[in-house]
Amino acid sequence: EKRELDKKIEALSAFMDGAIFDTVP
Protein backbone atom coordinates (compact mmCIF):
# COMPACT_ATOMS: atom_id res chain seq x y z
CA GLU A 1 0.00 0.00 0.00
CA LYS A 2 2.82 2.42 0.87
CA ARG A 3 4.70 1.58 -2.33
CA GLU A 4 1.59 2.24 -4.44
CA LEU A 5 0.79 5.43 -2.54
CA ASP A 6 4.33 6.72 -2.98
CA LYS A 7 4.06 6.13 -6.74
CA LYS A 8 0.86 8.19 -6.79
CA ILE A 9 2.56 10.95 -4.80
CA GLU A 10 5.42 10.99 -7.32
CA ALA A 11 2.97 11.17 -10.24
CA LEU A 12 0.97 13.97 -8.63
CA SER A 13 4.14 15.88 -7.81
CA ALA A 14 5.37 15.52 -11.39
CA PHE A 15 2.05 16.87 -12.64
CA MET A 16 2.20 19.77 -10.21
CA ASP A 17 5.74 20.60 -11.33
CA GLY A 18 4.70 20.63 -15.00
CA ALA A 19 3.47 23.45 -17.18
CA ILE A 20 -0.08 22.09 -17.43
CA PHE A 21 -0.57 22.62 -13.70
CA ASP A 22 -0.38 26.37 -14.25
CA THR A 23 -3.45 26.15 -16.50
CA VAL A 24 -5.53 24.51 -13.77
CA PRO A 25 -7.87 26.90 -11.91
mmCIF file of all heavy atoms, coordinates in Angstrom:
data_MODEL
# 
_entry.id   MODEL 
# 
loop_
_atom_site.group_PDB 
_atom_site.id 
_atom_site.type_symbol 
_atom_site.label_atom_id 
_atom_site.label_alt_id 
_atom_site.label_comp_id 
_atom_site.label_asym_id 
_atom_site.label_entity_id 
_atom_site.label_seq_id 
_atom_site.pdbx_PDB_ins_code 
_atom_site.Cartn_x 
_atom_site.Cartn_y 
_atom_site.Cartn_z 
_atom_site.occupancy 
_atom_site.B_iso_or_equiv 
_atom_site.pdbx_formal_charge 
_atom_site.auth_seq_id 
_atom_site.auth_comp_id 
_atom_site.auth_asym_id 
_atom_site.auth_atom_id 
_atom_site.pdbx_PDB_model_num 
ATOM 1   N N   . GLU A 1 1  ? 0.834  -1.206 0.000   1.00 0.00 ? 1  GLU A N   1 
ATOM 2   C CA  . GLU A 1 1  ? 0.000  0.000  0.000   1.00 0.00 ? 1  GLU A CA  1 
ATOM 3   C C   . GLU A 1 1  ? 0.870  1.258  0.000   1.00 0.00 ? 1  GLU A C   1 
ATOM 4   O O   . GLU A 1 1  ? 0.608  2.200  -0.743  1.00 0.00 ? 1  GLU A O   1 
ATOM 5   C CB  . GLU A 1 1  ? -0.919 -0.017 1.218   1.00 0.00 ? 1  GLU A CB  1 
ATOM 6   C CG  . GLU A 1 1  ? -1.856 1.155  1.307   1.00 0.00 ? 1  GLU A CG  1 
ATOM 7   C CD  . GLU A 1 1  ? -2.821 1.061  2.480   1.00 0.00 ? 1  GLU A CD  1 
ATOM 8   O OE1 . GLU A 1 1  ? -2.823 0.044  3.202   1.00 0.00 ? 1  GLU A OE1 1 
ATOM 9   O OE2 . GLU A 1 1  ? -3.578 2.014  2.661   1.00 0.00 ? 1  GLU A OE2 1 
ATOM 10  N N   . LYS A 1 2  ? 1.928  1.257  0.822   1.00 0.00 ? 2  LYS A N   1 
ATOM 11  C CA  . LYS A 1 2  ? 2.824  2.420  0.868   1.00 0.00 ? 2  LYS A CA  1 
ATOM 12  C C   . LYS A 1 2  ? 3.547  2.593  -0.462  1.00 0.00 ? 2  LYS A C   1 
ATOM 13  O O   . LYS A 1 2  ? 3.677  3.713  -0.960  1.00 0.00 ? 2  LYS A O   1 
ATOM 14  C CB  . LYS A 1 2  ? 3.828  2.294  2.004   1.00 0.00 ? 2  LYS A CB  1 
ATOM 15  C CG  . LYS A 1 2  ? 4.703  3.547  2.110   1.00 0.00 ? 2  LYS A CG  1 
ATOM 16  C CD  . LYS A 1 2  ? 5.609  3.508  3.295   1.00 0.00 ? 2  LYS A CD  1 
ATOM 17  C CE  . LYS A 1 2  ? 6.424  4.758  3.506   1.00 0.00 ? 2  LYS A CE  1 
ATOM 18  N NZ  . LYS A 1 2  ? 6.777  5.561  2.366   1.00 0.00 ? 2  LYS A NZ  1 
ATOM 19  N N   . ARG A 1 3  ? 3.995  1.501  -1.043  1.00 0.00 ? 3  ARG A N   1 
ATOM 20  C CA  . ARG A 1 3  ? 4.700  1.577  -2.326  1.00 0.00 ? 3  ARG A CA  1 
ATOM 21  C C   . ARG A 1 3  ? 3.785  2.184  -3.395  1.00 0.00 ? 3  ARG A C   1 
ATOM 22  O O   . ARG A 1 3  ? 4.192  3.080  -4.148  1.00 0.00 ? 3  ARG A O   1 
ATOM 23  C CB  . ARG A 1 3  ? 5.157  0.184  -2.750  1.00 0.00 ? 3  ARG A CB  1 
ATOM 24  C CG  . ARG A 1 3  ? 5.998  0.171  -4.009  1.00 0.00 ? 3  ARG A CG  1 
ATOM 25  C CD  . ARG A 1 3  ? 6.456  -1.230 -4.409  1.00 0.00 ? 3  ARG A CD  1 
ATOM 26  N NE  . ARG A 1 3  ? 7.161  -1.909 -3.316  1.00 0.00 ? 3  ARG A NE  1 
ATOM 27  C CZ  . ARG A 1 3  ? 6.714  -3.004 -2.693  1.00 0.00 ? 3  ARG A CZ  1 
ATOM 28  N NH1 . ARG A 1 3  ? 5.580  -3.561 -3.048  1.00 0.00 ? 3  ARG A NH1 1 
ATOM 29  N NH2 . ARG A 1 3  ? 7.420  -3.561 -1.735  1.00 0.00 ? 3  ARG A NH2 1 
ATOM 30  N N   . GLU A 1 4  ? 2.547  1.718  -3.465  1.00 0.00 ? 4  GLU A N   1 
ATOM 31  C CA  . GLU A 1 4  ? 1.585  2.243  -4.443  1.00 0.00 ? 4  GLU A CA  1 
ATOM 32  C C   . GLU A 1 4  ? 1.259  3.705  -4.167  1.00 0.00 ? 4  GLU A C   1 
ATOM 33  O O   . GLU A 1 4  ? 1.168  4.522  -5.092  1.00 0.00 ? 4  GLU A O   1 
ATOM 34  C CB  . GLU A 1 4  ? 0.315  1.403  -4.431  1.00 0.00 ? 4  GLU A CB  1 
ATOM 35  C CG  . GLU A 1 4  ? 0.512  0.003  -4.971  1.00 0.00 ? 4  GLU A CG  1 
ATOM 36  C CD  . GLU A 1 4  ? -0.695 -0.884 -4.795  1.00 0.00 ? 4  GLU A CD  1 
ATOM 37  O OE1 . GLU A 1 4  ? -1.803 -0.372 -4.501  1.00 0.00 ? 4  GLU A OE1 1 
ATOM 38  O OE2 . GLU A 1 4  ? -0.541 -2.112 -4.947  1.00 0.00 ? 4  GLU A OE2 1 
ATOM 39  N N   . LEU A 1 5  ? 1.076  4.045  -2.917  1.00 0.00 ? 5  LEU A N   1 
ATOM 40  C CA  . LEU A 1 5  ? 0.790  5.432  -2.545  1.00 0.00 ? 5  LEU A CA  1 
ATOM 41  C C   . LEU A 1 5  ? 1.947  6.351  -2.921  1.00 0.00 ? 5  LEU A C   1 
ATOM 42  O O   . LEU A 1 5  ? 1.733  7.442  -3.458  1.00 0.00 ? 5  LEU A O   1 
ATOM 43  C CB  . LEU A 1 5  ? 0.494  5.524  -1.043  1.00 0.00 ? 5  LEU A CB  1 
ATOM 44  C CG  . LEU A 1 5  ? 0.224  6.912  -0.485  1.00 0.00 ? 5  LEU A CG  1 
ATOM 45  C CD1 . LEU A 1 5  ? -0.984 7.564  -1.165  1.00 0.00 ? 5  LEU A CD1 1 
ATOM 46  C CD2 . LEU A 1 5  ? 0.018  6.841  1.020   1.00 0.00 ? 5  LEU A CD2 1 
ATOM 47  N N   . ASP A 1 6  ? 3.165  5.904  -2.657  1.00 0.00 ? 6  ASP A N   1 
ATOM 48  C CA  . ASP A 1 6  ? 4.333  6.722  -2.980  1.00 0.00 ? 6  ASP A CA  1 
ATOM 49  C C   . ASP A 1 6  ? 4.448  6.947  -4.485  1.00 0.00 ? 6  ASP A C   1 
ATOM 50  O O   . ASP A 1 6  ? 4.863  8.036  -4.921  1.00 0.00 ? 6  ASP A O   1 
ATOM 51  C CB  . ASP A 1 6  ? 5.603  6.098  -2.413  1.00 0.00 ? 6  ASP A CB  1 
ATOM 52  C CG  . ASP A 1 6  ? 5.675  6.212  -0.896  1.00 0.00 ? 6  ASP A CG  1 
ATOM 53  O OD1 . ASP A 1 6  ? 4.907  7.004  -0.308  1.00 0.00 ? 6  ASP A OD1 1 
ATOM 54  O OD2 . ASP A 1 6  ? 6.506  5.506  -0.286  1.00 0.00 ? 6  ASP A OD2 1 
ATOM 55  N N   . LYS A 1 7  ? 4.081  5.954  -5.287  1.00 0.00 ? 7  LYS A N   1 
ATOM 56  C CA  . LYS A 1 7  ? 4.064  6.132  -6.743  1.00 0.00 ? 7  LYS A CA  1 
ATOM 57  C C   . LYS A 1 7  ? 3.045  7.200  -7.137  1.00 0.00 ? 7  LYS A C   1 
ATOM 58  O O   . LYS A 1 7  ? 3.306  8.027  -8.015  1.00 0.00 ? 7  LYS A O   1 
ATOM 59  C CB  . LYS A 1 7  ? 3.730  4.822  -7.450  1.00 0.00 ? 7  LYS A CB  1 
ATOM 60  C CG  . LYS A 1 7  ? 4.842  3.821  -7.457  1.00 0.00 ? 7  LYS A CG  1 
ATOM 61  C CD  . LYS A 1 7  ? 4.408  2.558  -8.189  1.00 0.00 ? 7  LYS A CD  1 
ATOM 62  C CE  . LYS A 1 7  ? 5.428  1.459  -8.057  1.00 0.00 ? 7  LYS A CE  1 
ATOM 63  N NZ  . LYS A 1 7  ? 4.980  0.217  -8.715  1.00 0.00 ? 7  LYS A NZ  1 
ATOM 64  N N   . LYS A 1 8  ? 1.892  7.188  -6.492  1.00 0.00 ? 8  LYS A N   1 
ATOM 65  C CA  . LYS A 1 8  ? 0.863  8.188  -6.785  1.00 0.00 ? 8  LYS A CA  1 
ATOM 66  C C   . LYS A 1 8  ? 1.327  9.579  -6.372  1.00 0.00 ? 8  LYS A C   1 
ATOM 67  O O   . LYS A 1 8  ? 1.050  10.564 -7.055  1.00 0.00 ? 8  LYS A O   1 
ATOM 68  C CB  . LYS A 1 8  ? -0.448 7.819  -6.088  1.00 0.00 ? 8  LYS A CB  1 
ATOM 69  C CG  . LYS A 1 8  ? -1.104 6.590  -6.675  1.00 0.00 ? 8  LYS A CG  1 
ATOM 70  C CD  . LYS A 1 8  ? -2.366 6.224  -5.935  1.00 0.00 ? 8  LYS A CD  1 
ATOM 71  C CE  . LYS A 1 8  ? -2.980 4.970  -6.528  1.00 0.00 ? 8  LYS A CE  1 
ATOM 72  N NZ  . LYS A 1 8  ? -4.221 4.584  -5.851  1.00 0.00 ? 8  LYS A NZ  1 
ATOM 73  N N   . ILE A 1 9  ? 2.024  9.662  -5.250  1.00 0.00 ? 9  ILE A N   1 
ATOM 74  C CA  . ILE A 1 9  ? 2.559  10.953 -4.803  1.00 0.00 ? 9  ILE A CA  1 
ATOM 75  C C   . ILE A 1 9  ? 3.568  11.471 -5.824  1.00 0.00 ? 9  ILE A C   1 
ATOM 76  O O   . ILE A 1 9  ? 3.551  12.664 -6.171  1.00 0.00 ? 9  ILE A O   1 
ATOM 77  C CB  . ILE A 1 9  ? 3.196  10.836 -3.402  1.00 0.00 ? 9  ILE A CB  1 
ATOM 78  C CG1 . ILE A 1 9  ? 2.117  10.549 -2.351  1.00 0.00 ? 9  ILE A CG1 1 
ATOM 79  C CG2 . ILE A 1 9  ? 3.969  12.109 -3.039  1.00 0.00 ? 9  ILE A CG2 1 
ATOM 80  C CD1 . ILE A 1 9  ? 2.672  10.147 -0.986  1.00 0.00 ? 9  ILE A CD1 1 
ATOM 81  N N   . GLU A 1 10 ? 4.432  10.590 -6.310  1.00 0.00 ? 10 GLU A N   1 
ATOM 82  C CA  . GLU A 1 10 ? 5.420  10.992 -7.318  1.00 0.00 ? 10 GLU A CA  1 
ATOM 83  C C   . GLU A 1 10 ? 4.726  11.486 -8.587  1.00 0.00 ? 10 GLU A C   1 
ATOM 84  O O   . GLU A 1 10 ? 5.130  12.508 -9.157  1.00 0.00 ? 10 GLU A O   1 
ATOM 85  C CB  . GLU A 1 10 ? 6.333  9.816  -7.663  1.00 0.00 ? 10 GLU A CB  1 
ATOM 86  C CG  . GLU A 1 10 ? 7.330  9.481  -6.582  1.00 0.00 ? 10 GLU A CG  1 
ATOM 87  C CD  . GLU A 1 10 ? 8.188  8.271  -6.951  1.00 0.00 ? 10 GLU A CD  1 
ATOM 88  O OE1 . GLU A 1 10 ? 8.415  8.036  -8.158  1.00 0.00 ? 10 GLU A OE1 1 
ATOM 89  O OE2 . GLU A 1 10 ? 8.632  7.574  -6.029  1.00 0.00 ? 10 GLU A OE2 1 
ATOM 90  N N   . ALA A 1 11 ? 3.689  10.770 -9.022  1.00 0.00 ? 11 ALA A N   1 
ATOM 91  C CA  . ALA A 1 11 ? 2.973  11.172 -10.241 1.00 0.00 ? 11 ALA A CA  1 
ATOM 92  C C   . ALA A 1 11 ? 2.278  12.516 -10.045 1.00 0.00 ? 11 ALA A C   1 
ATOM 93  O O   . ALA A 1 11 ? 2.320  13.381 -10.930 1.00 0.00 ? 11 ALA A O   1 
ATOM 94  C CB  . ALA A 1 11 ? 1.969  10.094 -10.636 1.00 0.00 ? 11 ALA A CB  1 
ATOM 95  N N   . LEU A 1 12 ? 1.638  12.700 -8.907  1.00 0.00 ? 12 LEU A N   1 
ATOM 96  C CA  . LEU A 1 12 ? 0.971  13.967 -8.628  1.00 0.00 ? 12 LEU A CA  1 
ATOM 97  C C   . LEU A 1 12 ? 1.986  15.104 -8.559  1.00 0.00 ? 12 LEU A C   1 
ATOM 98  O O   . LEU A 1 12 ? 1.764  16.179 -9.121  1.00 0.00 ? 12 LEU A O   1 
ATOM 99  C CB  . LEU A 1 12 ? 0.170  13.879 -7.326  1.00 0.00 ? 12 LEU A CB  1 
ATOM 100 C CG  . LEU A 1 12 ? -0.537 15.150 -6.874  1.00 0.00 ? 12 LEU A CG  1 
ATOM 101 C CD1 . LEU A 1 12 ? -1.504 15.657 -7.943  1.00 0.00 ? 12 LEU A CD1 1 
ATOM 102 C CD2 . LEU A 1 12 ? -1.268 14.903 -5.551  1.00 0.00 ? 12 LEU A CD2 1 
ATOM 103 N N   . SER A 1 13 ? 3.109  14.859 -7.912  1.00 0.00 ? 13 SER A N   1 
ATOM 104 C CA  . SER A 1 13 ? 4.144  15.885 -7.809  1.00 0.00 ? 13 SER A CA  1 
ATOM 105 C C   . SER A 1 13 ? 4.694  16.249 -9.183  1.00 0.00 ? 13 SER A C   1 
ATOM 106 O O   . SER A 1 13 ? 4.926  17.436 -9.466  1.00 0.00 ? 13 SER A O   1 
ATOM 107 C CB  . SER A 1 13 ? 5.273  15.406 -6.895  1.00 0.00 ? 13 SER A CB  1 
ATOM 108 O OG  . SER A 1 13 ? 4.805  15.281 -5.566  1.00 0.00 ? 13 SER A OG  1 
ATOM 109 N N   . ALA A 1 14 ? 4.888  15.252 -10.034 1.00 0.00 ? 14 ALA A N   1 
ATOM 110 C CA  . ALA A 1 14 ? 5.371  15.521 -11.392 1.00 0.00 ? 14 ALA A CA  1 
ATOM 111 C C   . ALA A 1 14 ? 4.366  16.375 -12.145 1.00 0.00 ? 14 ALA A C   1 
ATOM 112 O O   . ALA A 1 14 ? 4.744  17.321 -12.854 1.00 0.00 ? 14 ALA A O   1 
ATOM 113 C CB  . ALA A 1 14 ? 5.625  14.206 -12.126 1.00 0.00 ? 14 ALA A CB  1 
ATOM 114 N N   . PHE A 1 15 ? 3.086  16.065 -11.997 1.00 0.00 ? 15 PHE A N   1 
ATOM 115 C CA  . PHE A 1 15 ? 2.050  16.870 -12.643 1.00 0.00 ? 15 PHE A CA  1 
ATOM 116 C C   . PHE A 1 15 ? 2.079  18.301 -12.123 1.00 0.00 ? 15 PHE A C   1 
ATOM 117 O O   . PHE A 1 15 ? 2.013  19.264 -12.894 1.00 0.00 ? 15 PHE A O   1 
ATOM 118 C CB  . PHE A 1 15 ? 0.673  16.251 -12.415 1.00 0.00 ? 15 PHE A CB  1 
ATOM 119 C CG  . PHE A 1 15 ? -0.458 17.128 -12.858 1.00 0.00 ? 15 PHE A CG  1 
ATOM 120 C CD1 . PHE A 1 15 ? -0.715 17.330 -14.204 1.00 0.00 ? 15 PHE A CD1 1 
ATOM 121 C CD2 . PHE A 1 15 ? -1.261 17.770 -11.932 1.00 0.00 ? 15 PHE A CD2 1 
ATOM 122 C CE1 . PHE A 1 15 ? -1.748 18.160 -14.624 1.00 0.00 ? 15 PHE A CE1 1 
ATOM 123 C CE2 . PHE A 1 15 ? -2.308 18.589 -12.332 1.00 0.00 ? 15 PHE A CE2 1 
ATOM 124 C CZ  . PHE A 1 15 ? -2.547 18.786 -13.690 1.00 0.00 ? 15 PHE A CZ  1 
ATOM 125 N N   . MET A 1 16 ? 2.220  18.443 -10.820 1.00 0.00 ? 16 MET A N   1 
ATOM 126 C CA  . MET A 1 16 ? 2.200  19.768 -10.211 1.00 0.00 ? 16 MET A CA  1 
ATOM 127 C C   . MET A 1 16 ? 3.437  20.581 -10.581 1.00 0.00 ? 16 MET A C   1 
ATOM 128 O O   . MET A 1 16 ? 3.399  21.811 -10.571 1.00 0.00 ? 16 MET A O   1 
ATOM 129 C CB  . MET A 1 16 ? 2.050  19.648 -8.689  1.00 0.00 ? 16 MET A CB  1 
ATOM 130 C CG  . MET A 1 16 ? 0.673  19.125 -8.293  1.00 0.00 ? 16 MET A CG  1 
ATOM 131 S SD  . MET A 1 16 ? 0.516  18.760 -6.535  1.00 0.00 ? 16 MET A SD  1 
ATOM 132 C CE  . MET A 1 16 ? 0.500  20.419 -5.871  1.00 0.00 ? 16 MET A CE  1 
ATOM 133 N N   . ASP A 1 17 ? 4.525  19.909 -10.919 1.00 0.00 ? 17 ASP A N   1 
ATOM 134 C CA  . ASP A 1 17 ? 5.743  20.604 -11.332 1.00 0.00 ? 17 ASP A CA  1 
ATOM 135 C C   . ASP A 1 17 ? 5.739  20.938 -12.824 1.00 0.00 ? 17 ASP A C   1 
ATOM 136 O O   . ASP A 1 17 ? 6.611  21.662 -13.297 1.00 0.00 ? 17 ASP A O   1 
ATOM 137 C CB  . ASP A 1 17 ? 6.978  19.751 -11.011 1.00 0.00 ? 17 ASP A CB  1 
ATOM 138 C CG  . ASP A 1 17 ? 7.233  19.647 -9.510  1.00 0.00 ? 17 ASP A CG  1 
ATOM 139 O OD1 . ASP A 1 17 ? 6.748  20.505 -8.760  1.00 0.00 ? 17 ASP A OD1 1 
ATOM 140 O OD2 . ASP A 1 17 ? 7.929  18.688 -9.100  1.00 0.00 ? 17 ASP A OD2 1 
ATOM 141 N N   . GLY A 1 18 ? 4.753  20.424 -13.559 1.00 0.00 ? 18 GLY A N   1 
ATOM 142 C CA  . GLY A 1 18 ? 4.698  20.633 -14.999 1.00 0.00 ? 18 GLY A CA  1 
ATOM 143 C C   . GLY A 1 18 ? 3.952  21.893 -15.392 1.00 0.00 ? 18 GLY A C   1 
ATOM 144 O O   . GLY A 1 18 ? 3.277  22.537 -14.584 1.00 0.00 ? 18 GLY A O   1 
ATOM 145 N N   . ALA A 1 19 ? 4.068  22.220 -16.656 1.00 0.00 ? 19 ALA A N   1 
ATOM 146 C CA  . ALA A 1 19 ? 3.466  23.450 -17.183 1.00 0.00 ? 19 ALA A CA  1 
ATOM 147 C C   . ALA A 1 19 ? 1.942  23.386 -17.193 1.00 0.00 ? 19 ALA A C   1 
ATOM 148 O O   . ALA A 1 19 ? 1.278  24.418 -17.026 1.00 0.00 ? 19 ALA A O   1 
ATOM 149 C CB  . ALA A 1 19 ? 3.980  23.706 -18.599 1.00 0.00 ? 19 ALA A CB  1 
ATOM 150 N N   . ILE A 1 20 ? 1.383  22.213 -17.370 1.00 0.00 ? 20 ILE A N   1 
ATOM 151 C CA  . ILE A 1 20 ? -0.076 22.088 -17.431 1.00 0.00 ? 20 ILE A CA  1 
ATOM 152 C C   . ILE A 1 20 ? -0.720 22.515 -16.117 1.00 0.00 ? 20 ILE A C   1 
ATOM 153 O O   . ILE A 1 20 ? -1.812 23.080 -16.097 1.00 0.00 ? 20 ILE A O   1 
ATOM 154 C CB  . ILE A 1 20 ? -0.497 20.657 -17.805 1.00 0.00 ? 20 ILE A CB  1 
ATOM 155 C CG1 . ILE A 1 20 ? -0.018 20.335 -19.228 1.00 0.00 ? 20 ILE A CG1 1 
ATOM 156 C CG2 . ILE A 1 20 ? -1.996 20.462 -17.687 1.00 0.00 ? 20 ILE A CG2 1 
ATOM 157 C CD1 . ILE A 1 20 ? -0.253 18.908 -19.656 1.00 0.00 ? 20 ILE A CD1 1 
ATOM 158 N N   . PHE A 1 21 ? -0.024 22.268 -15.009 1.00 0.00 ? 21 PHE A N   1 
ATOM 159 C CA  . PHE A 1 21 ? -0.570 22.621 -13.696 1.00 0.00 ? 21 PHE A CA  1 
ATOM 160 C C   . PHE A 1 21 ? -0.924 24.102 -13.622 1.00 0.00 ? 21 PHE A C   1 
ATOM 161 O O   . PHE A 1 21 ? -1.912 24.484 -13.001 1.00 0.00 ? 21 PHE A O   1 
ATOM 162 C CB  . PHE A 1 21 ? 0.408  22.239 -12.590 1.00 0.00 ? 21 PHE A CB  1 
ATOM 163 C CG  . PHE A 1 21 ? -0.124 22.454 -11.204 1.00 0.00 ? 21 PHE A CG  1 
ATOM 164 C CD1 . PHE A 1 21 ? -1.118 21.632 -10.695 1.00 0.00 ? 21 PHE A CD1 1 
ATOM 165 C CD2 . PHE A 1 21 ? 0.370  23.469 -10.406 1.00 0.00 ? 21 PHE A CD2 1 
ATOM 166 C CE1 . PHE A 1 21 ? -1.613 21.824 -9.405  1.00 0.00 ? 21 PHE A CE1 1 
ATOM 167 C CE2 . PHE A 1 21 ? -0.110 23.667 -9.124  1.00 0.00 ? 21 PHE A CE2 1 
ATOM 168 C CZ  . PHE A 1 21 ? -1.110 22.839 -8.624  1.00 0.00 ? 21 PHE A CZ  1 
ATOM 169 N N   . ASP A 1 22 ? -0.124 24.926 -14.271 1.00 0.00 ? 22 ASP A N   1 
ATOM 170 C CA  . ASP A 1 22 ? -0.377 26.372 -14.250 1.00 0.00 ? 22 ASP A CA  1 
ATOM 171 C C   . ASP A 1 22 ? -1.672 26.754 -14.956 1.00 0.00 ? 22 ASP A C   1 
ATOM 172 O O   . ASP A 1 22 ? -2.200 27.841 -14.732 1.00 0.00 ? 22 ASP A O   1 
ATOM 173 C CB  . ASP A 1 22 ? 0.790  27.128 -14.884 1.00 0.00 ? 22 ASP A CB  1 
ATOM 174 C CG  . ASP A 1 22 ? 2.058  27.031 -14.043 1.00 0.00 ? 22 ASP A CG  1 
ATOM 175 O OD1 . ASP A 1 22 ? 1.940  26.836 -12.816 1.00 0.00 ? 22 ASP A OD1 1 
ATOM 176 O OD2 . ASP A 1 22 ? 3.159  27.141 -14.614 1.00 0.00 ? 22 ASP A OD2 1 
ATOM 177 N N   . THR A 1 23 ? -2.195 25.867 -15.797 1.00 0.00 ? 23 THR A N   1 
ATOM 178 C CA  . THR A 1 23 ? -3.451 26.151 -16.503 1.00 0.00 ? 23 THR A CA  1 
ATOM 179 C C   . THR A 1 23 ? -4.672 25.709 -15.705 1.00 0.00 ? 23 THR A C   1 
ATOM 180 O O   . THR A 1 23 ? -5.793 26.031 -16.071 1.00 0.00 ? 23 THR A O   1 
ATOM 181 C CB  . THR A 1 23 ? -3.475 25.457 -17.884 1.00 0.00 ? 23 THR A CB  1 
ATOM 182 O OG1 . THR A 1 23 ? -3.528 24.036 -17.705 1.00 0.00 ? 23 THR A OG1 1 
ATOM 183 C CG2 . THR A 1 23 ? -2.263 25.839 -18.710 1.00 0.00 ? 23 THR A CG2 1 
ATOM 184 N N   . VAL A 1 24 ? -4.443 24.990 -14.627 1.00 0.00 ? 24 VAL A N   1 
ATOM 185 C CA  . VAL A 1 24 ? -5.535 24.513 -13.774 1.00 0.00 ? 24 VAL A CA  1 
ATOM 186 C C   . VAL A 1 24 ? -6.034 25.677 -12.921 1.00 0.00 ? 24 VAL A C   1 
ATOM 187 O O   . VAL A 1 24 ? -5.223 26.475 -12.420 1.00 0.00 ? 24 VAL A O   1 
ATOM 188 C CB  . VAL A 1 24 ? -5.030 23.342 -12.881 1.00 0.00 ? 24 VAL A CB  1 
ATOM 189 C CG1 . VAL A 1 24 ? -6.077 22.918 -11.871 1.00 0.00 ? 24 VAL A CG1 1 
ATOM 190 C CG2 . VAL A 1 24 ? -4.596 22.166 -13.744 1.00 0.00 ? 24 VAL A CG2 1 
ATOM 191 N N   . PRO A 1 25 ? -7.349 25.809 -12.747 1.00 0.00 ? 25 PRO A N   1 
ATOM 192 C CA  . PRO A 1 25 ? -7.872 26.895 -11.908 1.00 0.00 ? 25 PRO A CA  1 
ATOM 193 C C   . PRO A 1 25 ? -7.246 26.890 -10.506 1.00 0.00 ? 25 PRO A C   1 
ATOM 194 O O   . PRO A 1 25 ? -6.939 25.833 -9.953  1.00 0.00 ? 25 PRO A O   1 
ATOM 195 C CB  . PRO A 1 25 ? -9.372 26.606 -11.830 1.00 0.00 ? 25 PRO A CB  1 
ATOM 196 C CG  . PRO A 1 25 ? -9.658 25.798 -13.053 1.00 0.00 ? 25 PRO A CG  1 
ATOM 197 C CD  . PRO A 1 25 ? -8.424 24.987 -13.306 1.00 0.00 ? 25 PRO A CD  1 
# 
